[in-house]
Every structure is written in C-alpha cells, then in structure tokens.
Amino acid sequence: MDGLAQTTAPNVVNGINLDDLFALIGGVKSDPAKGRTRWRVATTWQGQTCSRSQVEGFEIGEDVKRRFSMDIDEPLELGGSNRFANPQEYLIAALNACMTVGYVAQCAVHRITLESLVIETEGEIDLRGFLGIDPTVANGYESLRYKVRIKGNGTKEQFAEIHEAVMATSPNFYNLSRPVALKSTLVVE
C-alpha cells in the first residue's frame, strides 16, 4: 500500500449512477415510507391564454427545494398568442419524458448502452367537446398512440422486456392509462 486512499469510480450507464439507483431501491424496499413523494405545481394566469406554472420543490421524506417555471399558451388558431407550447403538448411531453426516464434507467440496469431513443406520441381532440358544442363528444383524448424508436447494444428480446417494464412502472403511463381521482377546492376571493 502506498498510503493513498483508494476511490471507486461510480458505476454509470447511460448517465445513470447505478450505485445511487440501487441504494434508492434498497432504501425504499427496507422502509416503504422513503418511497412516498409529494409533487406540487402552482399555475397563474398571465393574460389571454397564457399561464405560468411554477415548481418550488417536492417532498421525499423532506422538502427538497427546486425552482422551475413553465410557460404555457395556445396556438393563434385557438385564441392564443402562440408564444409557448399548449397544455396538450405539455401533457404529451410529460408522458414521453417520464417513459424516457424509464427506458434509460431500465437499459442501464440491464447494462445496455443506448445510442438513441425517441418517443413519438400523437392523439386527436375534437373541439366540439371542449367548446361545449356537442355533449356526446369527449373533451379530451380518447386515445394516444406512441412509437418508441430505440437503438443500443441490447437484443430485440431485451428491448421488448424493457418496453413491458416501462409500461408497467412509468408513473405518467399509469396516470394517463387509468382514471385518476381529481379532488377540487374552489376559493373565490
């Protein structure tokens, strides 16, 4: 021994620190309370069809401060100023981004190095529902279709297994594929 401290490089695949990921998984397995999180977003009208959503933090056993804002608008054709993506585009982006995390992490756990990953999602909304013209028409998506284009050093079978795992574990896949109870409170000031 030369007296110098030995350090071990983190075990990283696809940018995911597997040591940290496995520590998180182990911590939640041993104490389920460590797996409970709370997410908050406050959205404020900015005029016309614009709004700003503000993230101040989230809870994971403790309050974690993080500050982000997202600006939202509508296209000119829907009464907006077309300055930002609209709520439907954010919804689809949130689904795609959540699944992207799942694919990257699942590939990392399986030691598959990714070269590329693209998720393309689309769906239709009939404005007759949203505009209250026809009460028999849904006011949102009846379905969304998505295509995952993935390339890396995994086999087709491994990618199929990962695809199933992502659909089984992605929070936003879950949120959009099942009814989620929405409980409102109206405060008139």
C-alpha atoms as a PDB file:
ATOM      1  CA  MET A   1       0.000   0.000   0.000  1.00  0.00           C
ATOM      2  CA  ASP A   2       1.261   3.442  -0.830  1.00  0.00           C
ATOM      3  CA  GLY A   3      -0.922   5.167   1.775  1.00  0.00           C
ATOM      4  CA  LEU A   4      -3.122   6.885  -0.790  1.00  0.00           C
ATOM      5  CA  ALA A   5      -6.862   6.492  -0.392  1.00  0.00           C
ATOM      6  CA  GLN A   6      -8.444   4.256  -2.957  1.00  0.00           C
ATOM      7  CA  THR A   7     -11.575   5.647  -4.586  1.00  0.00           C
ATOM      8  CA  THR A   8     -14.000   3.764  -6.734  1.00  0.00           C
ATOM      9  CA  ALA A   9     -15.475   5.428  -9.784  1.00  0.00           C
ATOM     10  CA  PRO A  10     -19.261   5.483  -9.810  1.00  0.00           C
ATOM     11  CA  ASN A  11     -20.972   2.718 -11.744  1.00  0.00           C
ATOM     12  CA  VAL A  12     -22.611   4.788 -14.523  1.00  0.00           C
ATOM     13  CA  VAL A  13     -24.529   3.515 -17.567  1.00  0.00           C
ATOM     14  CA  ASN A  14     -26.415   5.900 -19.897  1.00  0.00           C
ATOM     15  CA  GLY A  15     -25.654   8.715 -17.454  1.00  0.00           C
ATOM     16  CA  ILE A  16     -27.474   6.876 -14.631  1.00  0.00           C
ATOM     17  CA  ASN A  17     -25.441   6.304 -11.453  1.00  0.00           C
ATOM     18  CA  LEU A  18     -26.421   2.699 -10.747  1.00  0.00           C
ATOM     19  CA  ASP A  19     -24.928   2.755  -7.251  1.00  0.00           C
ATOM     20  CA  ASP A  20     -27.282   5.621  -6.325  1.00  0.00           C
ATOM     21  CA  LEU A  21     -30.230   3.968  -8.103  1.00  0.00           C
ATOM     22  CA  PHE A  22     -29.717   0.646  -6.327  1.00  0.00           C
ATOM     23  CA  ALA A  23     -29.276   2.484  -2.996  1.00  0.00           C
ATOM     24  CA  LEU A  24     -32.614   4.241  -3.589  1.00  0.00           C
ATOM     25  CA  ILE A  25     -34.311   0.942  -4.473  1.00  0.00           C
ATOM     26  CA  GLY A  26     -32.814  -0.759  -1.420  1.00  0.00           C
ATOM     27  CA  GLY A  27     -33.824   2.108   0.859  1.00  0.00           C
ATOM     28  CA  VAL A  28     -37.433   2.051  -0.349  1.00  0.00           C
ATOM     29  CA  LYS A  29     -37.566  -1.773  -0.066  1.00  0.00           C
ATOM     30  CA  SER A  30     -36.387  -1.653   3.539  1.00  0.00           C
ATOM     31  CA  ASP A  31     -38.525   1.380   4.507  1.00  0.00           C
ATOM     32  CA  PRO A  32     -41.577   1.970   2.250  1.00  0.00           C
ATOM     33  CA  ALA A  33     -42.059   5.444   3.788  1.00  0.00           C
ATOM     34  CA  LYS A  34     -38.894   6.513   1.940  1.00  0.00           C
ATOM     35  CA  GLY A  35     -40.736   5.894  -1.330  1.00  0.00           C
ATOM     36  CA  ARG A  36     -43.567   8.353  -0.670  1.00  0.00           C
ATOM     37  CA  THR A  37     -43.249  11.578  -2.614  1.00  0.00           C
ATOM     38  CA  ARG A  38     -45.436  14.668  -2.992  1.00  0.00           C
ATOM     39  CA  TRP A  39     -45.346  16.873  -6.083  1.00  0.00           C
ATOM     40  CA  ARG A  40     -46.704  20.424  -6.316  1.00  0.00           C
ATOM     41  CA  VAL A  41     -47.170  22.910  -9.153  1.00  0.00           C
ATOM     42  CA  ALA A  42     -48.878  26.318  -8.932  1.00  0.00           C
ATOM     43  CA  THR A  43     -50.218  27.798 -12.164  1.00  0.00           C
ATOM     44  CA  THR A  44     -51.007  31.507 -12.530  1.00  0.00           C
ATOM     45  CA  TRP A  45     -52.867  33.164 -15.381  1.00  0.00           C
ATOM     46  CA  GLN A  46     -50.654  35.605 -17.294  1.00  0.00           C
ATOM     47  CA  GLY A  47     -53.304  37.131 -19.585  1.00  0.00           C
ATOM     48  CA  GLN A  48     -55.053  35.947 -22.750  1.00  0.00           C
ATOM     49  CA  THR A  49     -54.488  32.165 -22.879  1.00  0.00           C
ATOM     50  CA  CYS A  50     -51.040  32.327 -21.257  1.00  0.00           C
ATOM     51  CA  SER A  51     -50.208  30.830 -17.885  1.00  0.00           C
ATOM     52  CA  ARG A  52     -47.051  30.159 -15.933  1.00  0.00           C
ATOM     53  CA  SER A  53     -46.605  27.023 -13.886  1.00  0.00           C
ATOM     54  CA  GLN A  54     -44.148  27.293 -11.030  1.00  0.00           C
ATOM     55  CA  VAL A  55     -42.362  24.424  -9.303  1.00  0.00           C
ATOM     56  CA  GLU A  56     -40.913  25.272  -5.886  1.00  0.00           C
ATOM     57  CA  GLY A  57     -39.950  21.796  -4.748  1.00  0.00           C
ATOM     58  CA  PHE A  58     -41.179  18.333  -3.835  1.00  0.00           C
ATOM     59  CA  GLU A  59     -41.159  16.072  -0.796  1.00  0.00           C
ATOM     60  CA  ILE A  60     -39.297  12.798  -0.413  1.00  0.00           C
ATOM     61  CA  GLY A  61     -39.135  12.347   3.338  1.00  0.00           C
ATOM     62  CA  GLU A  62     -38.116  16.007   3.473  1.00  0.00           C
ATOM     63  CA  ASP A  63     -38.826  19.140   1.470  1.00  0.00           C
ATOM     64  CA  VAL A  64     -36.435  19.437  -1.475  1.00  0.00           C
ATOM     65  CA  LYS A  65     -36.211  22.917  -2.964  1.00  0.00           C
ATOM     66  CA  ARG A  66     -36.134  23.166  -6.753  1.00  0.00           C
ATOM     67  CA  ARG A  67     -37.254  26.142  -8.784  1.00  0.00           C
ATOM     68  CA  PHE A  68     -38.537  25.856 -12.329  1.00  0.00           C
ATOM     69  CA  SER A  69     -41.155  27.633 -14.362  1.00  0.00           C
ATOM     70  CA  MET A  70     -43.025  26.544 -17.464  1.00  0.00           C
ATOM     71  CA  ASP A  71     -44.866  28.964 -19.706  1.00  0.00           C
ATOM     72  CA  ILE A  72     -47.962  27.710 -21.486  1.00  0.00           C
ATOM     73  CA  ASP A  73     -50.057  29.240 -24.276  1.00  0.00           C
ATOM     74  CA  GLU A  74     -52.377  28.236 -27.085  1.00  0.00           C
ATOM     75  CA  PRO A  75     -51.868  28.485 -30.853  1.00  0.00           C
ATOM     76  CA  LEU A  76     -53.251  31.549 -32.622  1.00  0.00           C
ATOM     77  CA  GLU A  77     -55.965  29.330 -34.104  1.00  0.00           C
ATOM     78  CA  LEU A  78     -57.226  28.531 -30.588  1.00  0.00           C
ATOM     79  CA  GLY A  79     -57.243  32.106 -29.284  1.00  0.00           C
ATOM     80  CA  GLY A  80     -53.677  32.251 -28.030  1.00  0.00           C
ATOM     81  CA  SER A  81     -50.554  34.168 -28.936  1.00  0.00           C
ATOM     82  CA  ASN A  82     -48.578  31.036 -29.937  1.00  0.00           C
ATOM     83  CA  ARG A  83     -45.652  32.011 -27.692  1.00  0.00           C
ATOM     84  CA  PHE A  84     -45.358  28.655 -25.906  1.00  0.00           C
ATOM     85  CA  ALA A  85     -46.449  25.032 -26.169  1.00  0.00           C
ATOM     86  CA  ASN A  86     -50.052  24.390 -25.150  1.00  0.00           C
ATOM     87  CA  PRO A  87     -51.331  22.205 -22.274  1.00  0.00           C
ATOM     88  CA  GLN A  88     -51.899  19.210 -24.551  1.00  0.00           C
ATOM     89  CA  GLU A  89     -48.332  19.383 -25.823  1.00  0.00           C
ATOM     90  CA  TYR A  90     -47.053  19.602 -22.239  1.00  0.00           C
ATOM     91  CA  LEU A  91     -49.207  16.608 -21.300  1.00  0.00           C
ATOM     92  CA  ILE A  92     -47.782  14.515 -24.141  1.00  0.00           C
ATOM     93  CA  ALA A  93     -44.259  15.787 -23.406  1.00  0.00           C
ATOM     94  CA  ALA A  94     -44.680  14.798 -19.742  1.00  0.00           C
ATOM     95  CA  LEU A  95     -45.743  11.292 -20.790  1.00  0.00           C
ATOM     96  CA  ASN A  96     -42.827  10.955 -23.226  1.00  0.00           C
ATOM     97  CA  ALA A  97     -40.278  12.343 -20.754  1.00  0.00           C
ATOM     98  CA  CYS A  98     -41.454  10.054 -17.962  1.00  0.00           C
ATOM     99  CA  MET A  99     -41.217   6.999 -20.196  1.00  0.00           C
ATOM    100  CA  THR A 100     -37.808   8.167 -21.446  1.00  0.00           C
ATOM    101  CA  VAL A 101     -36.508   8.070 -17.861  1.00  0.00           C
ATOM    102  CA  GLY A 102     -37.877   4.544 -17.582  1.00  0.00           C
ATOM    103  CA  TYR A 103     -36.202   3.326 -20.768  1.00  0.00           C
ATOM    104  CA  VAL A 104     -32.852   4.905 -19.875  1.00  0.00           C
ATOM    105  CA  ALA A 105     -32.876   3.541 -16.319  1.00  0.00           C
ATOM    106  CA  GLN A 106     -34.096   0.062 -17.339  1.00  0.00           C
ATOM    107  CA  CYS A 107     -31.419  -0.130 -20.035  1.00  0.00           C
ATOM    108  CA  ALA A 108     -28.772   0.991 -17.537  1.00  0.00           C
ATOM    109  CA  VAL A 109     -29.850  -1.676 -15.018  1.00  0.00           C
ATOM    110  CA  HIS A 110     -29.614  -4.289 -17.794  1.00  0.00           C
ATOM    111  CA  ARG A 111     -26.189  -2.903 -18.790  1.00  0.00           C
ATOM    112  CA  ILE A 112     -27.483  -1.875 -22.210  1.00  0.00           C
ATOM    113  CA  THR A 113     -25.780   1.201 -23.616  1.00  0.00           C
ATOM    114  CA  LEU A 114     -28.179   3.372 -25.577  1.00  0.00           C
ATOM    115  CA  GLU A 115     -27.248   5.068 -28.827  1.00  0.00           C
ATOM    116  CA  SER A 116     -30.600   6.775 -29.376  1.00  0.00           C
ATOM    117  CA  LEU A 117     -34.113   6.911 -28.006  1.00  0.00           C
ATOM    118  CA  VAL A 118     -37.073   8.807 -29.484  1.00  0.00           C
ATOM    119  CA  ILE A 119     -40.707   8.548 -28.400  1.00  0.00           C
ATOM    120  CA  GLU A 120     -43.290   9.950 -30.822  1.00  0.00           C
ATOM    121  CA  THR A 121     -46.812  10.395 -29.431  1.00  0.00           C
ATOM    122  CA  GLU A 122     -49.982  11.686 -31.062  1.00  0.00           C
ATOM    123  CA  GLY A 123     -53.691  11.871 -30.481  1.00  0.00           C
ATOM    124  CA  GLU A 124     -56.799  13.726 -31.575  1.00  0.00           C
ATOM    125  CA  ILE A 125     -59.106  16.072 -29.679  1.00  0.00           C
ATOM    126  CA  ASP A 126     -62.447  17.039 -31.213  1.00  0.00           C
ATOM    127  CA  LEU A 127     -63.018  20.692 -30.285  1.00  0.00           C
ATOM    128  CA  ARG A 128     -66.805  20.166 -30.278  1.00  0.00           C
ATOM    129  CA  GLY A 129     -66.370  18.594 -26.827  1.00  0.00           C
ATOM    130  CA  PHE A 130     -64.045  21.258 -25.389  1.00  0.00           C
ATOM    131  CA  LEU A 131     -66.166  24.098 -26.797  1.00  0.00           C
ATOM    132  CA  GLY A 132     -69.357  22.585 -25.367  1.00  0.00           C
ATOM    133  CA  ILE A 133     -70.959  22.273 -28.802  1.00  0.00           C
ATOM    134  CA  ASP A 134     -71.794  18.575 -28.546  1.00  0.00           C
ATOM    135  CA  PRO A 135     -72.083  16.909 -25.120  1.00  0.00           C
ATOM    136  CA  THR A 136     -71.680  13.464 -26.716  1.00  0.00           C
ATOM    137  CA  VAL A 137     -68.149  14.324 -27.904  1.00  0.00           C
ATOM    138  CA  ALA A 138     -65.263  13.742 -25.479  1.00  0.00           C
ATOM    139  CA  ASN A 139     -63.477  16.934 -24.371  1.00  0.00           C
ATOM    140  CA  GLY A 140     -60.077  15.261 -24.450  1.00  0.00           C
ATOM    141  CA  TYR A 141     -58.125  12.406 -25.922  1.00  0.00           C
ATOM    142  CA  GLU A 142     -59.977   9.139 -26.452  1.00  0.00           C
ATOM    143  CA  SER A 143     -56.593   7.517 -27.098  1.00  0.00           C
ATOM    144  CA  LEU A 144     -52.934   8.318 -27.567  1.00  0.00           C
ATOM    145  CA  ARG A 145     -50.632   6.400 -29.868  1.00  0.00           C
ATOM    146  CA  TYR A 146     -46.901   6.306 -29.307  1.00  0.00           C
ATOM    147  CA  LYS A 147     -43.942   4.794 -31.102  1.00  0.00           C
ATOM    148  CA  VAL A 148     -40.649   4.113 -29.349  1.00  0.00           C
ATOM    149  CA  ARG A 149     -37.536   4.153 -31.520  1.00  0.00           C
ATOM    150  CA  ILE A 150     -34.668   2.700 -29.513  1.00  0.00           C
ATOM    151  CA  LYS A 151     -31.146   1.723 -30.511  1.00  0.00           C
ATOM    152  CA  GLY A 152     -28.357   0.288 -28.403  1.00  0.00           C
ATOM    153  CA  ASN A 153     -26.360  -2.836 -27.733  1.00  0.00           C
ATOM    154  CA  GLY A 154     -29.358  -4.806 -26.421  1.00  0.00           C
ATOM    155  CA  THR A 155     -31.179  -7.604 -28.212  1.00  0.00           C
ATOM    156  CA  LYS A 156     -34.726  -7.310 -29.549  1.00  0.00           C
ATOM    157  CA  GLU A 157     -35.825  -9.550 -26.705  1.00  0.00           C
ATOM    158  CA  GLN A 158     -34.147  -7.351 -24.084  1.00  0.00           C
ATOM    159  CA  PHE A 159     -35.722  -4.213 -25.539  1.00  0.00           C
ATOM    160  CA  ALA A 160     -39.155  -5.921 -25.611  1.00  0.00           C
ATOM    161  CA  GLU A 161     -38.735  -6.825 -21.919  1.00  0.00           C
ATOM    162  CA  ILE A 162     -37.699  -3.263 -21.099  1.00  0.00           C
ATOM    163  CA  HIS A 163     -40.661  -1.899 -23.078  1.00  0.00           C
ATOM    164  CA  GLU A 164     -43.043  -4.017 -20.971  1.00  0.00           C
ATOM    165  CA  ALA A 165     -41.298  -2.937 -17.757  1.00  0.00           C
ATOM    166  CA  VAL A 166     -41.604   0.748 -18.678  1.00  0.00           C
ATOM    167  CA  MET A 167     -45.328   0.409 -19.367  1.00  0.00           C
ATOM    168  CA  ALA A 168     -45.718  -1.416 -16.048  1.00  0.00           C
ATOM    169  CA  THR A 169     -43.781   1.149 -13.954  1.00  0.00           C
ATOM    170  CA  SER A 170     -43.925   4.610 -15.585  1.00  0.00           C
ATOM    171  CA  PRO A 171     -45.929   6.984 -13.341  1.00  0.00           C
ATOM    172  CA  ASN A 172     -47.218   9.055 -16.254  1.00  0.00           C
ATOM    173  CA  PHE A 173     -48.080   5.993 -18.317  1.00  0.00           C
ATOM    174  CA  TYR A 174     -50.109   4.909 -15.281  1.00  0.00           C
ATOM    175  CA  ASN A 175     -51.633   8.376 -14.840  1.00  0.00           C
ATOM    176  CA  LEU A 176     -52.816   8.580 -18.440  1.00  0.00           C
ATOM    177  CA  SER A 177     -53.879   4.960 -18.886  1.00  0.00           C
ATOM    178  CA  ARG A 178     -56.140   4.797 -15.797  1.00  0.00           C
ATOM    179  CA  PRO A 179     -58.643   7.107 -14.173  1.00  0.00           C
ATOM    180  CA  VAL A 180     -57.034   9.368 -11.568  1.00  0.00           C
ATOM    181  CA  ALA A 181     -59.320  10.869  -8.928  1.00  0.00           C
ATOM    182  CA  LEU A 182     -59.295  14.676  -9.111  1.00  0.00           C
ATOM    183  CA  LYS A 183     -60.489  16.417  -5.945  1.00  0.00           C
ATOM    184  CA  SER A 184     -61.087  20.141  -6.313  1.00  0.00           C
ATOM    185  CA  THR A 185     -61.479  23.043  -3.909  1.00  0.00           C
ATOM    186  CA  LEU A 186     -62.784  26.375  -5.209  1.00  0.00           C
ATOM    187  CA  VAL A 187     -61.742  29.520  -3.333  1.00  0.00           C
ATOM    188  CA  VAL A 188     -63.466  32.695  -4.568  1.00  0.00           C
ATOM    189  CA  GLU A 189     -61.544  35.794  -3.463  1.00  0.00           C
END
